[in-house]
Amino acid sequence: MGSEVIILPIIFGVIFAIAYLYFSTRNKERLALIEKGADASIFVRGKRNGTAPIWKIIILNLALLLMGIGAAIFIASILHYSLGVDEEVAYPGTIFMMAGLGLFAGFTMTKKLEKED
């Protein structure tokens, strides 16, 4: 009973610790650069020329991932019912393989999309 109660504070503590370390380290790095007289423009995230908007990249990768998972379920059912492959092997194996292929296709299409814009 006690283990369920302690897990939630541990999760929130880890999230807080990661955020704290990220922001404190970033602040220290910026202060060190300012003390050395570095240009402040390196802190501003401007639009880079030739990059696609982030929403296009996310939608493209998510669509290809979901299409890969859908095709994997279809292929796994063919493997299971037609070829007699075990269900415990066919479904996870094809889902992971097709999801990976979908993400790889999304990566290559994202590179082409960034070169186009």
PDB file of N, CA and C in Angstrom:
ATOM      1  N   MET A   1       0.818  -1.201   0.000  1.00  0.00           N
ATOM      2  CA  MET A   1       0.000   0.000   0.000  1.00  0.00           C
ATOM      3  C   MET A   1       0.858   1.260   0.000  1.00  0.00           C
ATOM      4  N   GLY A   2       1.963   1.225   0.694  1.00  0.00           N
ATOM      5  CA  GLY A   2       2.806   2.399   0.801  1.00  0.00           C
ATOM      6  C   GLY A   2       3.579   2.701  -0.465  1.00  0.00           C
ATOM      7  N   SER A   3       3.842   1.684  -1.269  1.00  0.00           N
ATOM      8  CA  SER A   3       4.643   1.919  -2.469  1.00  0.00           C
ATOM      9  C   SER A   3       3.895   2.748  -3.501  1.00  0.00           C
ATOM     10  N   GLU A   4       2.566   2.631  -3.545  1.00  0.00           N
ATOM     11  CA  GLU A   4       1.792   3.433  -4.486  1.00  0.00           C
ATOM     12  C   GLU A   4       1.821   4.911  -4.121  1.00  0.00           C
ATOM     13  N   VAL A   5       1.892   5.171  -2.836  1.00  0.00           N
ATOM     14  CA  VAL A   5       1.856   6.556  -2.361  1.00  0.00           C
ATOM     15  C   VAL A   5       3.191   7.257  -2.611  1.00  0.00           C
ATOM     16  N   ILE A   6       4.280   6.532  -2.560  1.00  0.00           N
ATOM     17  CA  ILE A   6       5.592   7.160  -2.679  1.00  0.00           C
ATOM     18  C   ILE A   6       6.049   7.318  -4.127  1.00  0.00           C
ATOM     19  N   ILE A   7       5.463   6.579  -5.046  1.00  0.00           N
ATOM     20  CA  ILE A   7       5.898   6.645  -6.445  1.00  0.00           C
ATOM     21  C   ILE A   7       5.592   8.009  -7.060  1.00  0.00           C
ATOM     22  N   LEU A   8       4.418   8.557  -6.818  1.00  0.00           N
ATOM     23  CA  LEU A   8       4.032   9.838  -7.408  1.00  0.00           C
ATOM     24  C   LEU A   8       4.952  10.984  -6.979  1.00  0.00           C
ATOM     25  N   PRO A   9       5.280  11.132  -5.686  1.00  0.00           N
ATOM     26  CA  PRO A   9       6.234  12.194  -5.332  1.00  0.00           C
ATOM     27  C   PRO A   9       7.624  11.982  -5.933  1.00  0.00           C
ATOM     28  N   ILE A  10       8.029  10.734  -6.091  1.00  0.00           N
ATOM     29  CA  ILE A  10       9.335  10.478  -6.700  1.00  0.00           C
ATOM     30  C   ILE A  10       9.329  10.934  -8.150  1.00  0.00           C
ATOM     31  N   ILE A  11       8.254  10.642  -8.879  1.00  0.00           N
ATOM     32  CA  ILE A  11       8.160  11.063 -10.282  1.00  0.00           C
ATOM     33  C   ILE A  11       8.198  12.585 -10.389  1.00  0.00           C
ATOM     34  N   PHE A  12       7.415  13.267  -9.557  1.00  0.00           N
ATOM     35  CA  PHE A  12       7.422  14.726  -9.595  1.00  0.00           C
ATOM     36  C   PHE A  12       8.773  15.289  -9.162  1.00  0.00           C
ATOM     37  N   GLY A  13       9.426  14.648  -8.213  1.00  0.00           N
ATOM     38  CA  GLY A  13      10.749  15.090  -7.777  1.00  0.00           C
ATOM     39  C   GLY A  13      11.784  14.976  -8.887  1.00  0.00           C
ATOM     40  N   VAL A  14      11.731  13.884  -9.629  1.00  0.00           N
ATOM     41  CA  VAL A  14      12.666  13.703 -10.737  1.00  0.00           C
ATOM     42  C   VAL A  14      12.418  14.752 -11.814  1.00  0.00           C
ATOM     43  N   ILE A  15      11.162  15.003 -12.147  1.00  0.00           N
ATOM     44  CA  ILE A  15      10.841  16.025 -13.153  1.00  0.00           C
ATOM     45  C   ILE A  15      11.323  17.400 -12.690  1.00  0.00           C
ATOM     46  N   PHE A  16      11.096  17.715 -11.422  1.00  0.00           N
ATOM     47  CA  PHE A  16      11.560  18.999 -10.890  1.00  0.00           C
ATOM     48  C   PHE A  16      13.078  19.092 -10.924  1.00  0.00           C
ATOM     49  N   ALA A  17      13.771  18.015 -10.567  1.00  0.00           N
ATOM     50  CA  ALA A  17      15.232  18.029 -10.544  1.00  0.00           C
ATOM     51  C   ALA A  17      15.800  18.225 -11.942  1.00  0.00           C
ATOM     52  N   ILE A  18      15.216  17.576 -12.933  1.00  0.00           N
ATOM     53  CA  ILE A  18      15.696  17.740 -14.302  1.00  0.00           C
ATOM     54  C   ILE A  18      15.477  19.168 -14.777  1.00  0.00           C
ATOM     55  N   ALA A  19      14.296  19.718 -14.507  1.00  0.00           N
ATOM     56  CA  ALA A  19      14.011  21.095 -14.915  1.00  0.00           C
ATOM     57  C   ALA A  19      14.938  22.078 -14.194  1.00  0.00           C
ATOM     58  N   TYR A  20      15.164  21.861 -12.909  1.00  0.00           N
ATOM     59  CA  TYR A  20      16.037  22.741 -12.144  1.00  0.00           C
ATOM     60  C   TYR A  20      17.465  22.711 -12.692  1.00  0.00           C
ATOM     61  N   LEU A  21      17.977  21.525 -12.940  1.00  0.00           N
ATOM     62  CA  LEU A  21      19.330  21.423 -13.482  1.00  0.00           C
ATOM     63  C   LEU A  21      19.437  22.055 -14.858  1.00  0.00           C
ATOM     64  N   TYR A  22      18.431  21.878 -15.685  1.00  0.00           N
ATOM     65  CA  TYR A  22      18.456  22.453 -17.028  1.00  0.00           C
ATOM     66  C   TYR A  22      18.502  23.974 -16.966  1.00  0.00           C
ATOM     67  N   PHE A  23      17.599  24.576 -16.189  1.00  0.00           N
ATOM     68  CA  PHE A  23      17.529  26.031 -16.148  1.00  0.00           C
ATOM     69  C   PHE A  23      18.703  26.650 -15.394  1.00  0.00           C
ATOM     70  N   SER A  24      19.170  26.023 -14.328  1.00  0.00           N
ATOM     71  CA  SER A  24      20.305  26.600 -13.601  1.00  0.00           C
ATOM     72  C   SER A  24      21.590  26.503 -14.416  1.00  0.00           C
ATOM     73  N   THR A  25      21.781  25.400 -15.124  1.00  0.00           N
ATOM     74  CA  THR A  25      22.965  25.272 -15.971  1.00  0.00           C
ATOM     75  C   THR A  25      22.927  26.264 -17.118  1.00  0.00           C
ATOM     76  N   ARG A  26      21.751  26.430 -17.726  1.00  0.00           N
ATOM     77  CA  ARG A  26      21.615  27.381 -18.821  1.00  0.00           C
ATOM     78  C   ARG A  26      21.914  28.801 -18.339  1.00  0.00           C
ATOM     79  N   ASN A  27      21.439  29.129 -17.144  1.00  0.00           N
ATOM     80  CA  ASN A  27      21.671  30.459 -16.591  1.00  0.00           C
ATOM     81  C   ASN A  27      23.161  30.679 -16.318  1.00  0.00           C
ATOM     82  N   LYS A  28      23.837  29.671 -15.771  1.00  0.00           N
ATOM     83  CA  LYS A  28      25.267  29.804 -15.491  1.00  0.00           C
ATOM     84  C   LYS A  28      26.073  29.962 -16.774  1.00  0.00           C
ATOM     85  N   GLU A  29      25.703  29.207 -17.813  1.00  0.00           N
ATOM     86  CA  GLU A  29      26.404  29.332 -19.094  1.00  0.00           C
ATOM     87  C   GLU A  29      26.223  30.725 -19.679  1.00  0.00           C
ATOM     88  N   ARG A  30      25.026  31.236 -19.610  1.00  0.00           N
ATOM     89  CA  ARG A  30      24.773  32.577 -20.152  1.00  0.00           C
ATOM     90  C   ARG A  30      25.523  33.650 -19.372  1.00  0.00           C
ATOM     91  N   LEU A  31      25.545  33.523 -18.054  1.00  0.00           N
ATOM     92  CA  LEU A  31      26.278  34.501 -17.251  1.00  0.00           C
ATOM     93  C   LEU A  31      27.772  34.454 -17.560  1.00  0.00           C
ATOM     94  N   ALA A  32      28.312  33.258 -17.767  1.00  0.00           N
ATOM     95  CA  ALA A  32      29.734  33.144 -18.094  1.00  0.00           C
ATOM     96  C   ALA A  32      30.033  33.769 -19.449  1.00  0.00           C
ATOM     97  N   LEU A  33      29.147  33.584 -20.424  1.00  0.00           N
ATOM     98  CA  LEU A  33      29.364  34.197 -21.738  1.00  0.00           C
ATOM     99  C   LEU A  33      29.251  35.715 -21.671  1.00  0.00           C
ATOM    100  N   ILE A  34      28.326  36.216 -20.871  1.00  0.00           N
ATOM    101  CA  ILE A  34      28.164  37.669 -20.737  1.00  0.00           C
ATOM    102  C   ILE A  34      29.394  38.271 -20.062  1.00  0.00           C
ATOM    103  N   GLU A  35      29.938  37.572 -19.054  1.00  0.00           N
ATOM    104  CA  GLU A  35      31.129  38.082 -18.373  1.00  0.00           C
ATOM    105  C   GLU A  35      32.323  38.156 -19.324  1.00  0.00           C
ATOM    106  N   LYS A  36      32.390  37.228 -20.267  1.00  0.00           N
ATOM    107  CA  LYS A  36      33.503  37.244 -21.221  1.00  0.00           C
ATOM    108  C   LYS A  36      33.265  38.223 -22.364  1.00  0.00           C
ATOM    109  N   GLY A  37      32.085  38.817 -22.411  1.00  0.00           N
ATOM    110  CA  GLY A  37      31.799  39.812 -23.438  1.00  0.00           C
ATOM    111  C   GLY A  37      31.295  39.229 -24.740  1.00  0.00           C
ATOM    112  N   ALA A  38      30.683  38.068 -24.700  1.00  0.00           N
ATOM    113  CA  ALA A  38      30.157  37.449 -25.921  1.00  0.00           C
ATOM    114  C   ALA A  38      28.917  38.211 -26.384  1.00  0.00           C
ATOM    115  N   ASP A  39      28.606  38.071 -27.646  1.00  0.00           N
ATOM    116  CA  ASP A  39      27.457  38.747 -28.233  1.00  0.00           C
ATOM    117  C   ASP A  39      26.162  38.134 -27.711  1.00  0.00           C
ATOM    118  N   ALA A  40      25.194  38.964 -27.379  1.00  0.00           N
ATOM    119  CA  ALA A  40      23.936  38.480 -26.816  1.00  0.00           C
ATOM    120  C   ALA A  40      23.017  37.882 -27.860  1.00  0.00           C
ATOM    121  N   SER A  41      23.336  38.029 -29.116  1.00  0.00           N
ATOM    122  CA  SER A  41      22.460  37.505 -30.159  1.00  0.00           C
ATOM    123  C   SER A  41      22.478  35.983 -30.217  1.00  0.00           C
ATOM    124  N   ILE A  42      23.430  35.339 -29.571  1.00  0.00           N
ATOM    125  CA  ILE A  42      23.449  33.878 -29.589  1.00  0.00           C
ATOM    126  C   ILE A  42      22.347  33.286 -28.722  1.00  0.00           C
ATOM    127  N   PHE A  43      21.738  34.106 -27.855  1.00  0.00           N
ATOM    128  CA  PHE A  43      20.653  33.619 -27.013  1.00  0.00           C
ATOM    129  C   PHE A  43      19.300  33.676 -27.699  1.00  0.00           C
ATOM    130  N   VAL A  44      19.196  34.432 -28.749  1.00  0.00           N
ATOM    131  CA  VAL A  44      17.919  34.601 -29.440  1.00  0.00           C
ATOM    132  C   VAL A  44      17.790  33.514 -30.488  1.00  0.00           C
ATOM    133  N   ARG A  45      16.672  32.827 -30.447  1.00  0.00           N
ATOM    134  CA  ARG A  45      16.415  31.792 -31.444  1.00  0.00           C
ATOM    135  C   ARG A  45      15.672  32.421 -32.608  1.00  0.00           C
ATOM    136  N   GLY A  46      16.392  32.737 -33.610  1.00  0.00           N
ATOM    137  CA  GLY A  46      15.771  33.302 -34.794  1.00  0.00           C
ATOM    138  C   GLY A  46      15.409  32.199 -35.766  1.00  0.00           C
ATOM    139  N   LYS A  47      14.644  32.573 -36.782  1.00  0.00           N
ATOM    140  CA  LYS A  47      14.298  31.597 -37.806  1.00  0.00           C
ATOM    141  C   LYS A  47      15.514  31.366 -38.685  1.00  0.00           C
ATOM    142  N   ARG A  48      15.848  30.087 -38.820  1.00  0.00           N
ATOM    143  CA  ARG A  48      16.943  29.749 -39.713  1.00  0.00           C
ATOM    144  C   ARG A  48      16.404  29.687 -41.135  1.00  0.00           C
ATOM    145  N   ASN A  49      17.201  30.108 -42.055  1.00  0.00           N
ATOM    146  CA  ASN A  49      16.793  30.051 -43.450  1.00  0.00           C
ATOM    147  C   ASN A  49      16.837  28.609 -43.936  1.00  0.00           C
ATOM    148  N   GLY A  50      15.816  28.224 -44.677  1.00  0.00           N
ATOM    149  CA  GLY A  50      15.806  26.899 -45.263  1.00  0.00           C
ATOM    150  C   GLY A  50      15.257  25.805 -44.374  1.00  0.00           C
ATOM    151  N   THR A  51      14.564  26.138 -43.295  1.00  0.00           N
ATOM    152  CA  THR A  51      13.994  25.103 -42.444  1.00  0.00           C
ATOM    153  C   THR A  51      12.482  25.123 -42.548  1.00  0.00           C
ATOM    154  N   ALA A  52      11.898  23.949 -42.445  1.00  0.00           N
ATOM    155  CA  ALA A  52      10.441  23.819 -42.495  1.00  0.00           C
ATOM    156  C   ALA A  52       9.857  24.132 -41.123  1.00  0.00           C
ATOM    157  N   PRO A  53       8.609  24.578 -41.078  1.00  0.00           N
ATOM    158  CA  PRO A  53       7.969  24.798 -39.778  1.00  0.00           C
ATOM    159  C   PRO A  53       7.862  23.487 -38.998  1.00  0.00           C
ATOM    160  N   ILE A  54       7.949  23.588 -37.690  1.00  0.00           N
ATOM    161  CA  ILE A  54       7.972  22.395 -36.841  1.00  0.00           C
ATOM    162  C   ILE A  54       6.666  21.619 -36.937  1.00  0.00           C
ATOM    163  N   TRP A  55       5.534  22.301 -37.167  1.00  0.00           N
ATOM    164  CA  TRP A  55       4.263  21.588 -37.220  1.00  0.00           C
ATOM    165  C   TRP A  55       4.191  20.691 -38.444  1.00  0.00           C
ATOM    166  N   LYS A  56       4.834  21.093 -39.540  1.00  0.00           N
ATOM    167  CA  LYS A  56       4.858  20.238 -40.725  1.00  0.00           C
ATOM    168  C   LYS A  56       5.662  18.967 -40.471  1.00  0.00           C
ATOM    169  N   ILE A  57       6.753  19.110 -39.777  1.00  0.00           N
ATOM    170  CA  ILE A  57       7.606  17.962 -39.481  1.00  0.00           C
ATOM    171  C   ILE A  57       6.895  17.001 -38.534  1.00  0.00           C
ATOM    172  N   ILE A  58       6.231  17.535 -37.507  1.00  0.00           N
ATOM    173  CA  ILE A  58       5.530  16.680 -36.549  1.00  0.00           C
ATOM    174  C   ILE A  58       4.387  15.947 -37.216  1.00  0.00           C
ATOM    175  N   ILE A  59       3.603  16.645 -38.021  1.00  0.00           N
ATOM    176  CA  ILE A  59       2.467  16.000 -38.692  1.00  0.00           C
ATOM    177  C   ILE A  59       2.949  14.937 -39.666  1.00  0.00           C
ATOM    178  N   LEU A  60       4.007  15.225 -40.409  1.00  0.00           N
ATOM    179  CA  LEU A  60       4.540  14.256 -41.363  1.00  0.00           C
ATOM    180  C   LEU A  60       5.030  12.995 -40.655  1.00  0.00           C
ATOM    181  N   ASN A  61       5.820  13.155 -39.600  1.00  0.00           N
ATOM    182  CA  ASN A  61       6.341  11.994 -38.884  1.00  0.00           C
ATOM    183  C   ASN A  61       5.239  11.219 -38.169  1.00  0.00           C
ATOM    184  N   LEU A  62       4.284  11.916 -37.586  1.00  0.00           N
ATOM    185  CA  LEU A  62       3.183  11.229 -36.900  1.00  0.00           C
ATOM    186  C   LEU A  62       2.313  10.468 -37.890  1.00  0.00           C
ATOM    187  N   ALA A  63       2.044  11.059 -39.045  1.00  0.00           N
ATOM    188  CA  ALA A  63       1.231  10.382 -40.057  1.00  0.00           C
ATOM    189  C   ALA A  63       1.930   9.126 -40.566  1.00  0.00           C
ATOM    190  N   LEU A  64       3.214   9.226 -40.845  1.00  0.00           N
ATOM    191  CA  LEU A  64       3.931   8.055 -41.326  1.00  0.00           C
ATOM    192  C   LEU A  64       4.066   6.978 -40.256  1.00  0.00           C
ATOM    193  N   LEU A  65       4.209   7.380 -38.999  1.00  0.00           N
ATOM    194  CA  LEU A  65       4.262   6.407 -37.902  1.00  0.00           C
ATOM    195  C   LEU A  65       2.947   5.657 -37.774  1.00  0.00           C
ATOM    196  N   LEU A  66       1.845   6.381 -37.791  1.00  0.00           N
ATOM    197  CA  LEU A  66       0.534   5.734 -37.666  1.00  0.00           C
ATOM    198  C   LEU A  66       0.213   4.871 -38.876  1.00  0.00           C
ATOM    199  N   MET A  67       0.609   5.306 -40.065  1.00  0.00           N
ATOM    200  CA  MET A  67       0.408   4.475 -41.256  1.00  0.00           C
ATOM    201  C   MET A  67       1.234   3.201 -41.167  1.00  0.00           C
ATOM    202  N   GLY A  68       2.446   3.302 -40.651  1.00  0.00           N
ATOM    203  CA  GLY A  68       3.285   2.124 -40.468  1.00  0.00           C
ATOM    204  C   GLY A  68       2.692   1.148 -39.470  1.00  0.00           C
ATOM    205  N   ILE A  69       2.133   1.662 -38.381  1.00  0.00           N
ATOM    206  CA  ILE A  69       1.515   0.786 -37.384  1.00  0.00           C
ATOM    207  C   ILE A  69       0.276   0.113 -37.955  1.00  0.00           C
ATOM    208  N   GLY A  70      -0.528   0.859 -38.707  1.00  0.00           N
ATOM    209  CA  GLY A  70      -1.713   0.264 -39.336  1.00  0.00           C
ATOM    210  C   GLY A  70      -1.349  -0.816 -40.336  1.00  0.00           C
ATOM    211  N   ALA A  71      -0.345  -0.552 -41.151  1.00  0.00           N
ATOM    212  CA  ALA A  71       0.104  -1.571 -42.110  1.00  0.00           C
ATOM    213  C   ALA A  71       0.683  -2.775 -41.381  1.00  0.00           C
ATOM    214  N   ALA A  72       1.341  -2.553 -40.258  1.00  0.00           N
ATOM    215  CA  ALA A  72       1.920  -3.656 -39.494  1.00  0.00           C
ATOM    216  C   ALA A  72       0.850  -4.572 -38.926  1.00  0.00           C
ATOM    217  N   ILE A  73      -0.240  -4.001 -38.441  1.00  0.00           N
ATOM    218  CA  ILE A  73      -1.320  -4.834 -37.914  1.00  0.00           C
ATOM    219  C   ILE A  73      -1.928  -5.670 -39.030  1.00  0.00           C
ATOM    220  N   PHE A  74      -2.081  -5.078 -40.196  1.00  0.00           N
ATOM    221  CA  PHE A  74      -2.611  -5.812 -41.348  1.00  0.00           C
ATOM    222  C   PHE A  74      -1.663  -6.940 -41.758  1.00  0.00           C
ATOM    223  N   ILE A  75      -0.380  -6.654 -41.853  1.00  0.00           N
ATOM    224  CA  ILE A  75       0.605  -7.667 -42.239  1.00  0.00           C
ATOM    225  C   ILE A  75       0.695  -8.763 -41.180  1.00  0.00           C
ATOM    226  N   ALA A  76       0.631  -8.370 -39.907  1.00  0.00           N
ATOM    227  CA  ALA A  76       0.698  -9.365 -38.830  1.00  0.00           C
ATOM    228  C   ALA A  76      -0.502 -10.302 -38.868  1.00  0.00           C
ATOM    229  N   SER A  77      -1.676  -9.769 -39.176  1.00  0.00           N
ATOM    230  CA  SER A  77      -2.842 -10.651 -39.261  1.00  0.00           C
ATOM    231  C   SER A  77      -2.703 -11.616 -40.436  1.00  0.00           C
ATOM    232  N   ILE A  78      -2.123 -11.170 -41.546  1.00  0.00           N
ATOM    233  CA  ILE A  78      -1.864 -12.073 -42.673  1.00  0.00           C
ATOM    234  C   ILE A  78      -0.866 -13.149 -42.263  1.00  0.00           C
ATOM    235  N   LEU A  79       0.194 -12.742 -41.564  1.00  0.00           N
ATOM    236  CA  LEU A  79       1.185 -13.715 -41.105  1.00  0.00           C
ATOM    237  C   LEU A  79       0.569 -14.734 -40.149  1.00  0.00           C
ATOM    238  N   HIS A  80      -0.288 -14.274 -39.274  1.00  0.00           N
ATOM    239  CA  HIS A  80      -0.861 -15.144 -38.252  1.00  0.00           C
ATOM    240  C   HIS A  80      -1.882 -16.119 -38.850  1.00  0.00           C
ATOM    241  N   TYR A  81      -2.809 -15.615 -39.637  1.00  0.00           N
ATOM    242  CA  TYR A  81      -3.895 -16.464 -40.117  1.00  0.00           C
ATOM    243  C   TYR A  81      -3.531 -17.257 -41.374  1.00  0.00           C
ATOM    244  N   SER A  82      -2.693 -16.718 -42.238  1.00  0.00           N
ATOM    245  CA  SER A  82      -2.375 -17.428 -43.482  1.00  0.00           C
ATOM    246  C   SER A  82      -1.138 -18.316 -43.356  1.00  0.00           C
ATOM    247  N   LEU A  83      -0.115 -17.802 -42.713  1.00  0.00           N
ATOM    248  CA  LEU A  83       1.139 -18.546 -42.647  1.00  0.00           C
ATOM    249  C   LEU A  83       1.340 -19.282 -41.334  1.00  0.00           C
ATOM    250  N   GLY A  84       0.476 -19.061 -40.363  1.00  0.00           N
ATOM    251  CA  GLY A  84       0.544 -19.791 -39.102  1.00  0.00           C
ATOM    252  C   GLY A  84       1.620 -19.324 -38.137  1.00  0.00           C
ATOM    253  N   VAL A  85       2.092 -18.096 -38.278  1.00  0.00           N
ATOM    254  CA  VAL A  85       3.084 -17.559 -37.342  1.00  0.00           C
ATOM    255  C   VAL A  85       2.382 -17.288 -36.011  1.00  0.00           C
ATOM    256  N   ASP A  86       3.079 -17.542 -34.909  1.00  0.00           N
ATOM    257  CA  ASP A  86       2.477 -17.298 -33.592  1.00  0.00           C
ATOM    258  C   ASP A  86       2.049 -15.844 -33.450  1.00  0.00           C
ATOM    259  N   GLU A  87       0.915 -15.658 -32.800  1.00  0.00           N
ATOM    260  CA  GLU A  87       0.374 -14.310 -32.621  1.00  0.00           C
ATOM    261  C   GLU A  87       1.292 -13.452 -31.761  1.00  0.00           C
ATOM    262  N   GLU A  88       1.931 -14.076 -30.748  1.00  0.00           N
ATOM    263  CA  GLU A  88       2.818 -13.338 -29.842  1.00  0.00           C
ATOM    264  C   GLU A  88       4.088 -12.855 -30.537  1.00  0.00           C
ATOM    265  N   VAL A  89       4.412 -13.470 -31.673  1.00  0.00           N
ATOM    266  CA  VAL A  89       5.601 -13.074 -32.424  1.00  0.00           C
ATOM    267  C   VAL A  89       5.229 -12.146 -33.573  1.00  0.00           C
ATOM    268  N   ALA A  90       4.137 -12.437 -34.254  1.00  0.00           N
ATOM    269  CA  ALA A  90       3.783 -11.712 -35.469  1.00  0.00           C
ATOM    270  C   ALA A  90       3.434 -10.252 -35.186  1.00  0.00           C
ATOM    271  N   TYR A  91       2.570 -10.009 -34.208  1.00  0.00           N
ATOM    272  CA  TYR A  91       2.104  -8.645 -33.983  1.00  0.00           C
ATOM    273  C   TYR A  91       3.191  -7.698 -33.467  1.00  0.00           C
ATOM    274  N   PRO A  92       3.869  -8.020 -32.366  1.00  0.00           N
ATOM    275  CA  PRO A  92       4.893  -7.057 -31.914  1.00  0.00           C
ATOM    276  C   PRO A  92       6.043  -6.879 -32.902  1.00  0.00           C
ATOM    277  N   GLY A  93       6.455  -7.973 -33.531  1.00  0.00           N
ATOM    278  CA  GLY A  93       7.573  -7.871 -34.468  1.00  0.00           C
ATOM    279  C   GLY A  93       7.268  -6.989 -35.653  1.00  0.00           C
ATOM    280  N   THR A  94       6.108  -7.193 -36.267  1.00  0.00           N
ATOM    281  CA  THR A  94       5.786  -6.370 -37.436  1.00  0.00           C
ATOM    282  C   THR A  94       5.443  -4.935 -37.041  1.00  0.00           C
ATOM    283  N   ILE A  95       4.837  -4.749 -35.888  1.00  0.00           N
ATOM    284  CA  ILE A  95       4.514  -3.376 -35.455  1.00  0.00           C
ATOM    285  C   ILE A  95       5.795  -2.573 -35.249  1.00  0.00           C
ATOM    286  N   PHE A  96       6.769  -3.160 -34.544  1.00  0.00           N
ATOM    287  CA  PHE A  96       8.017  -2.428 -34.324  1.00  0.00           C
ATOM    288  C   PHE A  96       8.772  -2.208 -35.627  1.00  0.00           C
ATOM    289  N   MET A  97       8.791  -3.203 -36.489  1.00  0.00           N
ATOM    290  CA  MET A  97       9.527  -3.061 -37.741  1.00  0.00           C
ATOM    291  C   MET A  97       8.882  -2.007 -38.645  1.00  0.00           C
ATOM    292  N   MET A  98       7.576  -2.053 -38.810  1.00  0.00           N
ATOM    293  CA  MET A  98       6.906  -1.102 -39.690  1.00  0.00           C
ATOM    294  C   MET A  98       6.888   0.308 -39.092  1.00  0.00           C
ATOM    295  N   ALA A  99       6.799   0.411 -37.753  1.00  0.00           N
ATOM    296  CA  ALA A  99       6.874   1.732 -37.128  1.00  0.00           C
ATOM    297  C   ALA A  99       8.257   2.335 -37.351  1.00  0.00           C
ATOM    298  N   GLY A 100       9.289   1.517 -37.242  1.00  0.00           N
ATOM    299  CA  GLY A 100      10.645   1.992 -37.518  1.00  0.00           C
ATOM    300  C   GLY A 100      10.816   2.412 -38.960  1.00  0.00           C
ATOM    301  N   LEU A 101      10.253   1.644 -39.886  1.00  0.00           N
ATOM    302  CA  LEU A 101      10.326   2.023 -41.297  1.00  0.00           C
ATOM    303  C   LEU A 101       9.564   3.321 -41.555  1.00  0.00           C
ATOM    304  N   GLY A 102       8.417   3.505 -40.890  1.00  0.00           N
ATOM    305  CA  GLY A 102       7.656   4.745 -41.036  1.00  0.00           C
ATOM    306  C   GLY A 102       8.428   5.942 -40.513  1.00  0.00           C
ATOM    307  N   LEU A 103       9.095   5.777 -39.373  1.00  0.00           N
ATOM    308  CA  LEU A 103       9.887   6.877 -38.828  1.00  0.00           C
ATOM    309  C   LEU A 103      11.108   7.176 -39.694  1.00  0.00           C
ATOM    310  N   PHE A 104      11.713   6.141 -40.262  1.00  0.00           N
ATOM    311  CA  PHE A 104      12.839   6.372 -41.168  1.00  0.00           C
ATOM    312  C   PHE A 104      12.380   7.098 -42.430  1.00  0.00           C
ATOM    313  N   ALA A 105      11.227   6.705 -42.951  1.00  0.00           N
ATOM    314  CA  ALA A 105      10.684   7.404 -44.122  1.00  0.00           C
ATOM    315  C   ALA A 105      10.372   8.858 -43.771  1.00  0.00           C
ATOM    316  N   GLY A 106       9.843   9.091 -42.571  1.00  0.00           N
ATOM    317  CA  GLY A 106       9.588  10.458 -42.132  1.00  0.00           C
ATOM    318  C   GLY A 106      10.857  11.272 -42.005  1.00  0.00           C
ATOM    319  N   PHE A 107      11.931  10.631 -41.547  1.00  0.00           N
ATOM    320  CA  PHE A 107      13.213  11.322 -41.424  1.00  0.00           C
ATOM    321  C   PHE A 107      13.733  11.740 -42.795  1.00  0.00           C
ATOM    322  N   THR A 108      13.678  10.819 -43.747  1.00  0.00           N
ATOM    323  CA  THR A 108      14.180  11.159 -45.080  1.00  0.00           C
ATOM    324  C   THR A 108      13.295  12.204 -45.759  1.00  0.00           C
ATOM    325  N   MET A 109      11.990  12.118 -45.559  1.00  0.00           N
ATOM    326  CA  MET A 109      11.103  13.122 -46.148  1.00  0.00           C
ATOM    327  C   MET A 109      11.289  14.483 -45.484  1.00  0.00           C
ATOM    328  N   THR A 110      11.610  14.499 -44.190  1.00  0.00           N
ATOM    329  CA  THR A 110      11.862  15.760 -43.498  1.00  0.00           C
ATOM    330  C   THR A 110      13.130  16.412 -44.032  1.00  0.00           C
ATOM    331  N   LYS A 111      14.149  15.611 -44.305  1.00  0.00           N
ATOM    332  CA  LYS A 111      15.364  16.185 -44.891  1.00  0.00           C
ATOM    333  C   LYS A 111      15.074  16.806 -46.245  1.00  0.00           C
ATOM    334  N   LYS A 112      14.259  16.142 -47.063  1.00  0.00           N
ATOM    335  CA  LYS A 112      13.894  16.690 -48.364  1.00  0.00           C
ATOM    336  C   LYS A 112      13.051  17.946 -48.217  1.00  0.00           C
ATOM    337  N   LEU A 113      12.144  17.954 -47.222  1.00  0.00           N
ATOM    338  CA  LEU A 113      11.280  19.101 -46.981  1.00  0.00           C
ATOM    339  C   LEU A 113      12.103  20.311 -46.554  1.00  0.00           C
ATOM    340  N   GLU A 114      13.124  20.096 -45.744  1.00  0.00           N
ATOM    341  CA  GLU A 114      13.956  21.216 -45.312  1.00  0.00           C
ATOM    342  C   GLU A 114      14.817  21.750 -46.446  1.00  0.00           C
ATOM    343  N   LYS A 115      15.218  20.882 -47.364  1.00  0.00           N
ATOM    344  CA  LYS A 115      15.991  21.346 -48.514  1.00  0.00           C
ATOM    345  C   LYS A 115      15.123  22.111 -49.494  1.00  0.00           C
ATOM    346  N   GLU A 116      13.827  21.768 -49.567  1.00  0.00           N
ATOM    347  CA  GLU A 116      12.914  22.455 -50.486  1.00  0.00           C
ATOM    348  C   GLU A 116      12.669  23.892 -50.058  1.00  0.00           C
ATOM    349  N   ASP A 117      12.364  24.095 -48.779  1.00  0.00           N
ATOM    350  CA  ASP A 117      11.988  25.431 -48.293  1.00  0.00           C
ATOM    351  C   ASP A 117      13.130  26.391 -48.261  1.00  0.00           C
TER     352      ASP A 117
END
